[in-house]
Amino acid sequence: MEDDFSSKLTKLREFKAMEYRIDSLKQKGIDAKITVNIIKESFFPEDSTKNITLAFIEEDLGFAGSTAFIVKYDRDQKKIISVKKSTE
């Protein structure tokens, strides 16, 4: 499951844009990287009766970090069901 989710995750338009941004920052000498944290069971109340996995895609600049977007993956349907920009 995680390999399928990871594969779909890295093909997202939002993920590709973030990779491009990170590469640009690295070229400017900033130690930037993408961090992906996967939570197997969603803790959001609206997902309580569903088989949802979450991925938090974070931008780590070394001196600061933030969640860029949150991805929901339905393990029953084996597909990404939402990509939401973080409001942090």
PDB file of N, CA and C in Angstrom:
ATOM      1  N   MET A   1       0.825  -1.191   0.000  1.00  0.00           N
ATOM      2  CA  MET A   1       0.000   0.000   0.000  1.00  0.00           C
ATOM      3  C   MET A   1       0.868   1.253   0.000  1.00  0.00           C
ATOM      4  N   GLU A   2       1.847   1.315   0.887  1.00  0.00           N
ATOM      5  CA  GLU A   2       2.647   2.524   1.003  1.00  0.00           C
ATOM      6  C   GLU A   2       3.451   2.796  -0.266  1.00  0.00           C
ATOM      7  N   ASP A   3       3.906   1.730  -0.956  1.00  0.00           N
ATOM      8  CA  ASP A   3       4.640   1.933  -2.198  1.00  0.00           C
ATOM      9  C   ASP A   3       3.734   2.528  -3.265  1.00  0.00           C
ATOM     10  N   ASP A   4       2.490   2.039  -3.349  1.00  0.00           N
ATOM     11  CA  ASP A   4       1.518   2.558  -4.306  1.00  0.00           C
ATOM     12  C   ASP A   4       1.207   4.018  -3.986  1.00  0.00           C
ATOM     13  N   PHE A   5       0.960   4.312  -2.730  1.00  0.00           N
ATOM     14  CA  PHE A   5       0.662   5.681  -2.295  1.00  0.00           C
ATOM     15  C   PHE A   5       1.853   6.586  -2.577  1.00  0.00           C
ATOM     16  N   SER A   6       3.037   6.160  -2.219  1.00  0.00           N
ATOM     17  CA  SER A   6       4.244   6.962  -2.443  1.00  0.00           C
ATOM     18  C   SER A   6       4.433   7.266  -3.920  1.00  0.00           C
ATOM     19  N   SER A   7       4.207   6.270  -4.756  1.00  0.00           N
ATOM     20  CA  SER A   7       4.346   6.454  -6.198  1.00  0.00           C
ATOM     21  C   SER A   7       3.355   7.497  -6.708  1.00  0.00           C
ATOM     22  N   LYS A   8       2.119   7.398  -6.275  1.00  0.00           N
ATOM     23  CA  LYS A   8       1.096   8.360  -6.700  1.00  0.00           C
ATOM     24  C   LYS A   8       1.384   9.748  -6.133  1.00  0.00           C
ATOM     25  N   LEU A   9       1.884   9.790  -4.932  1.00  0.00           N
ATOM     26  CA  LEU A   9       2.186  11.046  -4.260  1.00  0.00           C
ATOM     27  C   LEU A   9       3.256  11.839  -5.018  1.00  0.00           C
ATOM     28  N   THR A  10       4.313  11.171  -5.418  1.00  0.00           N
ATOM     29  CA  THR A  10       5.416  11.856  -6.095  1.00  0.00           C
ATOM     30  C   THR A  10       5.061  12.285  -7.521  1.00  0.00           C
ATOM     31  N   LYS A  11       3.953  11.790  -8.050  1.00  0.00           N
ATOM     32  CA  LYS A  11       3.502  12.186  -9.392  1.00  0.00           C
ATOM     33  C   LYS A  11       2.541  13.368  -9.363  1.00  0.00           C
ATOM     34  N   LEU A  12       2.125  13.787  -8.174  1.00  0.00           N
ATOM     35  CA  LEU A  12       1.204  14.910  -8.060  1.00  0.00           C
ATOM     36  C   LEU A  12       1.826  16.195  -8.594  1.00  0.00           C
ATOM     37  N   ARG A  13       1.022  17.004  -9.232  1.00  0.00           N
ATOM     38  CA  ARG A  13       1.462  18.314  -9.747  1.00  0.00           C
ATOM     39  C   ARG A  13       2.037  19.160  -8.615  1.00  0.00           C
ATOM     40  N   GLU A  14       1.394  19.138  -7.461  1.00  0.00           N
ATOM     41  CA  GLU A  14       1.845  19.918  -6.308  1.00  0.00           C
ATOM     42  C   GLU A  14       3.209  19.449  -5.812  1.00  0.00           C
ATOM     43  N   PHE A  15       3.427  18.140  -5.833  1.00  0.00           N
ATOM     44  CA  PHE A  15       4.711  17.593  -5.390  1.00  0.00           C
ATOM     45  C   PHE A  15       5.820  17.980  -6.371  1.00  0.00           C
ATOM     46  N   LYS A  16       5.521  17.876  -7.670  1.00  0.00           N
ATOM     47  CA  LYS A  16       6.506  18.245  -8.694  1.00  0.00           C
ATOM     48  C   LYS A  16       6.890  19.718  -8.568  1.00  0.00           C
ATOM     49  N   ALA A  17       5.893  20.584  -8.315  1.00  0.00           N
ATOM     50  CA  ALA A  17       6.161  22.014  -8.145  1.00  0.00           C
ATOM     51  C   ALA A  17       7.045  22.253  -6.925  1.00  0.00           C
ATOM     52  N   MET A  18       6.796  21.501  -5.877  1.00  0.00           N
ATOM     53  CA  MET A  18       7.597  21.652  -4.664  1.00  0.00           C
ATOM     54  C   MET A  18       9.037  21.182  -4.907  1.00  0.00           C
ATOM     55  N   GLU A  19       9.209  20.098  -5.644  1.00  0.00           N
ATOM     56  CA  GLU A  19      10.556  19.630  -5.989  1.00  0.00           C
ATOM     57  C   GLU A  19      11.316  20.702  -6.768  1.00  0.00           C
ATOM     58  N   TYR A  20      10.640  21.340  -7.699  1.00  0.00           N
ATOM     59  CA  TYR A  20      11.254  22.402  -8.490  1.00  0.00           C
ATOM     60  C   TYR A  20      11.682  23.555  -7.579  1.00  0.00           C
ATOM     61  N   ARG A  21      10.806  23.935  -6.652  1.00  0.00           N
ATOM     62  CA  ARG A  21      11.112  25.020  -5.710  1.00  0.00           C
ATOM     63  C   ARG A  21      12.330  24.660  -4.841  1.00  0.00           C
ATOM     64  N   ILE A  22      12.347  23.441  -4.324  1.00  0.00           N
ATOM     65  CA  ILE A  22      13.454  22.993  -3.480  1.00  0.00           C
ATOM     66  C   ILE A  22      14.766  23.002  -4.268  1.00  0.00           C
ATOM     67  N   ASP A  23      14.726  22.532  -5.512  1.00  0.00           N
ATOM     68  CA  ASP A  23      15.928  22.546  -6.353  1.00  0.00           C
ATOM     69  C   ASP A  23      16.431  23.965  -6.571  1.00  0.00           C
ATOM     70  N   SER A  24      15.503  24.909  -6.777  1.00  0.00           N
ATOM     71  CA  SER A  24      15.882  26.317  -6.964  1.00  0.00           C
ATOM     72  C   SER A  24      16.541  26.875  -5.702  1.00  0.00           C
ATOM     73  N   LEU A  25      15.983  26.539  -4.545  1.00  0.00           N
ATOM     74  CA  LEU A  25      16.557  27.004  -3.285  1.00  0.00           C
ATOM     75  C   LEU A  25      17.951  26.419  -3.066  1.00  0.00           C
ATOM     76  N   LYS A  26      18.125  25.152  -3.410  1.00  0.00           N
ATOM     77  CA  LYS A  26      19.438  24.515  -3.270  1.00  0.00           C
ATOM     78  C   LYS A  26      20.478  25.194  -4.153  1.00  0.00           C
ATOM     79  N   GLN A  27      20.075  25.590  -5.356  1.00  0.00           N
ATOM     80  CA  GLN A  27      20.997  26.283  -6.261  1.00  0.00           C
ATOM     81  C   GLN A  27      21.432  27.633  -5.685  1.00  0.00           C
ATOM     82  N   LYS A  28      20.627  28.201  -4.812  1.00  0.00           N
ATOM     83  CA  LYS A  28      20.952  29.472  -4.155  1.00  0.00           C
ATOM     84  C   LYS A  28      21.710  29.262  -2.851  1.00  0.00           C
ATOM     85  N   GLY A  29      22.045  27.992  -2.547  1.00  0.00           N
ATOM     86  CA  GLY A  29      22.835  27.688  -1.364  1.00  0.00           C
ATOM     87  C   GLY A  29      22.030  27.423  -0.099  1.00  0.00           C
ATOM     88  N   ILE A  30      20.726  27.316  -0.220  1.00  0.00           N
ATOM     89  CA  ILE A  30      19.879  27.031   0.945  1.00  0.00           C
ATOM     90  C   ILE A  30      19.727  25.517   1.079  1.00  0.00           C
ATOM     91  N   ASP A  31      19.976  25.008   2.273  1.00  0.00           N
ATOM     92  CA  ASP A  31      19.880  23.569   2.536  1.00  0.00           C
ATOM     93  C   ASP A  31      18.412  23.185   2.700  1.00  0.00           C
ATOM     94  N   ALA A  32      17.714  23.044   1.592  1.00  0.00           N
ATOM     95  CA  ALA A  32      16.275  22.771   1.603  1.00  0.00           C
ATOM     96  C   ALA A  32      16.012  21.317   1.241  1.00  0.00           C
ATOM     97  N   LYS A  33      14.930  20.786   1.790  1.00  0.00           N
ATOM     98  CA  LYS A  33      14.523  19.425   1.439  1.00  0.00           C
ATOM     99  C   LYS A  33      13.027  19.244   1.667  1.00  0.00           C
ATOM    100  N   ILE A  34      12.504  18.210   1.049  1.00  0.00           N
ATOM    101  CA  ILE A  34      11.102  17.828   1.220  1.00  0.00           C
ATOM    102  C   ILE A  34      11.056  16.680   2.213  1.00  0.00           C
ATOM    103  N   THR A  35      10.150  16.796   3.171  1.00  0.00           N
ATOM    104  CA  THR A  35       9.939  15.722   4.131  1.00  0.00           C
ATOM    105  C   THR A  35       8.502  15.234   3.977  1.00  0.00           C
ATOM    106  N   VAL A  36       8.322  13.915   3.956  1.00  0.00           N
ATOM    107  CA  VAL A  36       6.991  13.323   3.854  1.00  0.00           C
ATOM    108  C   VAL A  36       6.747  12.493   5.104  1.00  0.00           C
ATOM    109  N   ASN A  37       5.692  12.847   5.836  1.00  0.00           N
ATOM    110  CA  ASN A  37       5.293  12.092   7.023  1.00  0.00           C
ATOM    111  C   ASN A  37       3.954  11.436   6.740  1.00  0.00           C
ATOM    112  N   ILE A  38       3.918  10.116   6.859  1.00  0.00           N
ATOM    113  CA  ILE A  38       2.696   9.365   6.570  1.00  0.00           C
ATOM    114  C   ILE A  38       2.087   8.853   7.869  1.00  0.00           C
ATOM    115  N   ILE A  39       0.800   9.104   8.016  1.00  0.00           N
ATOM    116  CA  ILE A  39       0.022   8.618   9.156  1.00  0.00           C
ATOM    117  C   ILE A  39      -0.957   7.589   8.600  1.00  0.00           C
ATOM    118  N   LYS A  40      -0.810   6.339   9.004  1.00  0.00           N
ATOM    119  CA  LYS A  40      -1.614   5.263   8.409  1.00  0.00           C
ATOM    120  C   LYS A  40      -3.111   5.446   8.613  1.00  0.00           C
ATOM    121  N   GLU A  41      -3.535   5.889   9.779  1.00  0.00           N
ATOM    122  CA  GLU A  41      -4.960   6.086  10.062  1.00  0.00           C
ATOM    123  C   GLU A  41      -5.231   7.563  10.290  1.00  0.00           C
ATOM    124  N   SER A  42      -6.088   8.143   9.473  1.00  0.00           N
ATOM    125  CA  SER A  42      -6.428   9.556   9.610  1.00  0.00           C
ATOM    126  C   SER A  42      -7.044   9.841  10.969  1.00  0.00           C
ATOM    127  N   PHE A  43      -6.673  10.972  11.544  1.00  0.00           N
ATOM    128  CA  PHE A  43      -7.225  11.397  12.827  1.00  0.00           C
ATOM    129  C   PHE A  43      -8.296  12.473  12.647  1.00  0.00           C
ATOM    130  N   PHE A  44      -8.586  12.859  11.387  1.00  0.00           N
ATOM    131  CA  PHE A  44      -9.615  13.856  11.146  1.00  0.00           C
ATOM    132  C   PHE A  44     -10.994  13.251  11.394  1.00  0.00           C
ATOM    133  N   PRO A  45     -11.863  13.961  12.109  1.00  0.00           N
ATOM    134  CA  PRO A  45     -13.195  13.430  12.435  1.00  0.00           C
ATOM    135  C   PRO A  45     -13.993  12.989  11.207  1.00  0.00           C
ATOM    136  N   GLU A  46     -13.874  13.710  10.111  1.00  0.00           N
ATOM    137  CA  GLU A  46     -14.643  13.356   8.905  1.00  0.00           C
ATOM    138  C   GLU A  46     -14.185  12.046   8.278  1.00  0.00           C
ATOM    139  N   ASP A  47     -13.039  11.532   8.689  1.00  0.00           N
ATOM    140  CA  ASP A  47     -12.504  10.276   8.140  1.00  0.00           C
ATOM    141  C   ASP A  47     -12.677   9.094   9.087  1.00  0.00           C
ATOM    142  N   SER A  48     -13.365   9.291  10.188  1.00  0.00           N
ATOM    143  CA  SER A  48     -13.416   8.267  11.242  1.00  0.00           C
ATOM    144  C   SER A  48     -14.004   6.932  10.792  1.00  0.00           C
ATOM    145  N   THR A  49     -14.884   6.933   9.822  1.00  0.00           N
ATOM    146  CA  THR A  49     -15.487   5.676   9.372  1.00  0.00           C
ATOM    147  C   THR A  49     -14.886   5.192   8.049  1.00  0.00           C
ATOM    148  N   LYS A  50     -13.804   5.814   7.631  1.00  0.00           N
ATOM    149  CA  LYS A  50     -13.200   5.481   6.340  1.00  0.00           C
ATOM    150  C   LYS A  50     -11.795   4.921   6.535  1.00  0.00           C
ATOM    151  N   ASN A  51     -11.284   4.342   5.496  1.00  0.00           N
ATOM    152  CA  ASN A  51      -9.969   3.715   5.488  1.00  0.00           C
ATOM    153  C   ASN A  51      -8.966   4.679   4.842  1.00  0.00           C
ATOM    154  N   ILE A  52      -8.658   5.779   5.545  1.00  0.00           N
ATOM    155  CA  ILE A  52      -7.874   6.878   4.978  1.00  0.00           C
ATOM    156  C   ILE A  52      -6.485   6.961   5.608  1.00  0.00           C
ATOM    157  N   THR A  53      -5.482   7.132   4.748  1.00  0.00           N
ATOM    158  CA  THR A  53      -4.112   7.398   5.172  1.00  0.00           C
ATOM    159  C   THR A  53      -3.799   8.852   4.820  1.00  0.00           C
ATOM    160  N   LEU A  54      -3.031   9.502   5.682  1.00  0.00           N
ATOM    161  CA  LEU A  54      -2.650  10.890   5.459  1.00  0.00           C
ATOM    162  C   LEU A  54      -1.162  10.996   5.142  1.00  0.00           C
ATOM    163  N   ALA A  55      -0.818  11.986   4.335  1.00  0.00           N
ATOM    164  CA  ALA A  55       0.583  12.331   4.109  1.00  0.00           C
ATOM    165  C   ALA A  55       0.725  13.834   4.305  1.00  0.00           C
ATOM    166  N   PHE A  56       1.659  14.212   5.152  1.00  0.00           N
ATOM    167  CA  PHE A  56       1.975  15.614   5.373  1.00  0.00           C
ATOM    168  C   PHE A  56       3.256  15.904   4.613  1.00  0.00           C
ATOM    169  N   ILE A  57       3.174  16.762   3.612  1.00  0.00           N
ATOM    170  CA  ILE A  57       4.318  17.109   2.785  1.00  0.00           C
ATOM    171  C   ILE A  57       4.873  18.420   3.332  1.00  0.00           C
ATOM    172  N   GLU A  58       6.109  18.362   3.791  1.00  0.00           N
ATOM    173  CA  GLU A  58       6.695  19.516   4.467  1.00  0.00           C
ATOM    174  C   GLU A  58       7.933  20.034   3.754  1.00  0.00           C
ATOM    175  N   GLU A  59       8.082  21.347   3.829  1.00  0.00           N
ATOM    176  CA  GLU A  59       9.258  22.011   3.292  1.00  0.00           C
ATOM    177  C   GLU A  59      10.180  22.314   4.459  1.00  0.00           C
ATOM    178  N   ASP A  60      11.380  21.763   4.423  1.00  0.00           N
ATOM    179  CA  ASP A  60      12.359  21.960   5.493  1.00  0.00           C
ATOM    180  C   ASP A  60      13.509  22.787   4.942  1.00  0.00           C
ATOM    181  N   LEU A  61      13.672  23.996   5.492  1.00  0.00           N
ATOM    182  CA  LEU A  61      14.728  24.891   5.035  1.00  0.00           C
ATOM    183  C   LEU A  61      15.920  24.910   5.977  1.00  0.00           C
ATOM    184  N   GLY A  62      15.938  23.991   6.925  1.00  0.00           N
ATOM    185  CA  GLY A  62      17.036  23.945   7.887  1.00  0.00           C
ATOM    186  C   GLY A  62      16.779  24.875   9.054  1.00  0.00           C
ATOM    187  N   PHE A  63      16.541  26.128   8.775  1.00  0.00           N
ATOM    188  CA  PHE A  63      16.269  27.119   9.824  1.00  0.00           C
ATOM    189  C   PHE A  63      14.774  27.277  10.076  1.00  0.00           C
ATOM    190  N   ALA A  64      13.956  26.750   9.183  1.00  0.00           N
ATOM    191  CA  ALA A  64      12.492  26.837   9.341  1.00  0.00           C
ATOM    192  C   ALA A  64      11.853  25.729   8.510  1.00  0.00           C
ATOM    193  N   GLY A  65      10.671  25.345   8.914  1.00  0.00           N
ATOM    194  CA  GLY A  65       9.944  24.328   8.180  1.00  0.00           C
ATOM    195  C   GLY A  65       8.456  24.570   8.283  1.00  0.00           C
ATOM    196  N   SER A  66       7.734  24.068   7.297  1.00  0.00           N
ATOM    197  CA  SER A  66       6.284  24.206   7.337  1.00  0.00           C
ATOM    198  C   SER A  66       5.637  23.117   6.496  1.00  0.00           C
ATOM    199  N   THR A  67       4.391  22.801   6.847  1.00  0.00           N
ATOM    200  CA  THR A  67       3.622  21.841   6.071  1.00  0.00           C
ATOM    201  C   THR A  67       3.091  22.560   4.839  1.00  0.00           C
ATOM    202  N   ALA A  68       3.425  22.070   3.672  1.00  0.00           N
ATOM    203  CA  ALA A  68       2.988  22.691   2.426  1.00  0.00           C
ATOM    204  C   ALA A  68       1.587  22.223   2.042  1.00  0.00           C
ATOM    205  N   PHE A  69       1.376  20.895   2.125  1.00  0.00           N
ATOM    206  CA  PHE A  69       0.047  20.377   1.825  1.00  0.00           C
ATOM    207  C   PHE A  69      -0.167  19.016   2.479  1.00  0.00           C
ATOM    208  N   ILE A  70      -1.447  18.647   2.564  1.00  0.00           N
ATOM    209  CA  ILE A  70      -1.864  17.388   3.178  1.00  0.00           C
ATOM    210  C   ILE A  70      -2.595  16.579   2.115  1.00  0.00           C
ATOM    211  N   VAL A  71      -2.210  15.320   1.994  1.00  0.00           N
ATOM    212  CA  VAL A  71      -2.806  14.433   1.004  1.00  0.00           C
ATOM    213  C   VAL A  71      -3.557  13.323   1.721  1.00  0.00           C
ATOM    214  N   LYS A  72      -4.779  13.046   1.237  1.00  0.00           N
ATOM    215  CA  LYS A  72      -5.565  11.929   1.770  1.00  0.00           C
ATOM    216  C   LYS A  72      -5.616  10.827   0.715  1.00  0.00           C
ATOM    217  N   TYR A  73      -5.371   9.608   1.185  1.00  0.00           N
ATOM    218  CA  TYR A  73      -5.347   8.436   0.313  1.00  0.00           C
ATOM    219  C   TYR A  73      -6.349   7.415   0.829  1.00  0.00           C
ATOM    220  N   ASP A  74      -7.280   7.006  -0.028  1.00  0.00           N
ATOM    221  CA  ASP A  74      -8.276   6.003   0.338  1.00  0.00           C
ATOM    222  C   ASP A  74      -7.674   4.625   0.058  1.00  0.00           C
ATOM    223  N   ARG A  75      -7.436   3.865   1.108  1.00  0.00           N
ATOM    224  CA  ARG A  75      -6.801   2.550   0.951  1.00  0.00           C
ATOM    225  C   ARG A  75      -7.740   1.535   0.316  1.00  0.00           C
ATOM    226  N   ASP A  76      -9.059   1.707   0.445  1.00  0.00           N
ATOM    227  CA  ASP A  76      -9.993   0.783  -0.192  1.00  0.00           C
ATOM    228  C   ASP A  76     -10.027   0.997  -1.704  1.00  0.00           C
ATOM    229  N   GLN A  77     -10.101   2.258  -2.111  1.00  0.00           N
ATOM    230  CA  GLN A  77     -10.169   2.593  -3.537  1.00  0.00           C
ATOM    231  C   GLN A  77      -8.782   2.673  -4.178  1.00  0.00           C
ATOM    232  N   LYS A  78      -7.740   2.692  -3.322  1.00  0.00           N
ATOM    233  CA  LYS A  78      -6.347   2.791  -3.777  1.00  0.00           C
ATOM    234  C   LYS A  78      -6.123   4.021  -4.654  1.00  0.00           C
ATOM    235  N   LYS A  79      -6.631   5.172  -4.138  1.00  0.00           N
ATOM    236  CA  LYS A  79      -6.428   6.404  -4.885  1.00  0.00           C
ATOM    237  C   LYS A  79      -6.362   7.601  -3.948  1.00  0.00           C
ATOM    238  N   ILE A  80      -5.710   8.645  -4.429  1.00  0.00           N
ATOM    239  CA  ILE A  80      -5.645   9.900  -3.694  1.00  0.00           C
ATOM    240  C   ILE A  80      -6.998  10.577  -3.845  1.00  0.00           C
ATOM    241  N   ILE A  81      -7.588  10.946  -2.708  1.00  0.00           N
ATOM    242  CA  ILE A  81      -8.912  11.551  -2.765  1.00  0.00           C
ATOM    243  C   ILE A  81      -8.901  13.054  -2.498  1.00  0.00           C
ATOM    244  N   SER A  82      -7.821  13.571  -1.928  1.00  0.00           N
ATOM    245  CA  SER A  82      -7.733  15.029  -1.773  1.00  0.00           C
ATOM    246  C   SER A  82      -6.297  15.478  -1.559  1.00  0.00           C
ATOM    247  N   VAL A  83      -6.042  16.690  -2.036  1.00  0.00           N
ATOM    248  CA  VAL A  83      -4.770  17.375  -1.835  1.00  0.00           C
ATOM    249  C   VAL A  83      -5.152  18.769  -1.357  1.00  0.00           C
ATOM    250  N   LYS A  84      -4.787  19.063  -0.128  1.00  0.00           N
ATOM    251  CA  LYS A  84      -5.202  20.339   0.458  1.00  0.00           C
ATOM    252  C   LYS A  84      -3.982  21.133   0.885  1.00  0.00           C
ATOM    253  N   LYS A  85      -3.901  22.361   0.409  1.00  0.00           N
ATOM    254  CA  LYS A  85      -2.820  23.251   0.809  1.00  0.00           C
ATOM    255  C   LYS A  85      -2.962  23.538   2.303  1.00  0.00           C
ATOM    256  N   SER A  86      -1.854  23.507   3.002  1.00  0.00           N
ATOM    257  CA  SER A  86      -1.876  23.770   4.428  1.00  0.00           C
ATOM    258  C   SER A  86      -2.159  25.239   4.695  1.00  0.00           C
ATOM    259  N   THR A  87      -2.873  25.506   5.766  1.00  0.00           N
ATOM    260  CA  THR A  87      -3.219  26.887   6.115  1.00  0.00           C
ATOM    261  C   THR A  87      -2.415  27.383   7.294  1.00  0.00           C
ATOM    262  N   GLU A  88      -1.331  26.672   7.634  1.00  0.00           N
ATOM    263  CA  GLU A  88      -0.477  27.071   8.757  1.00  0.00           C
ATOM    264  C   GLU A  88       0.168  28.397   8.490  1.00  0.00           C
TER     265      GLU A  88
END
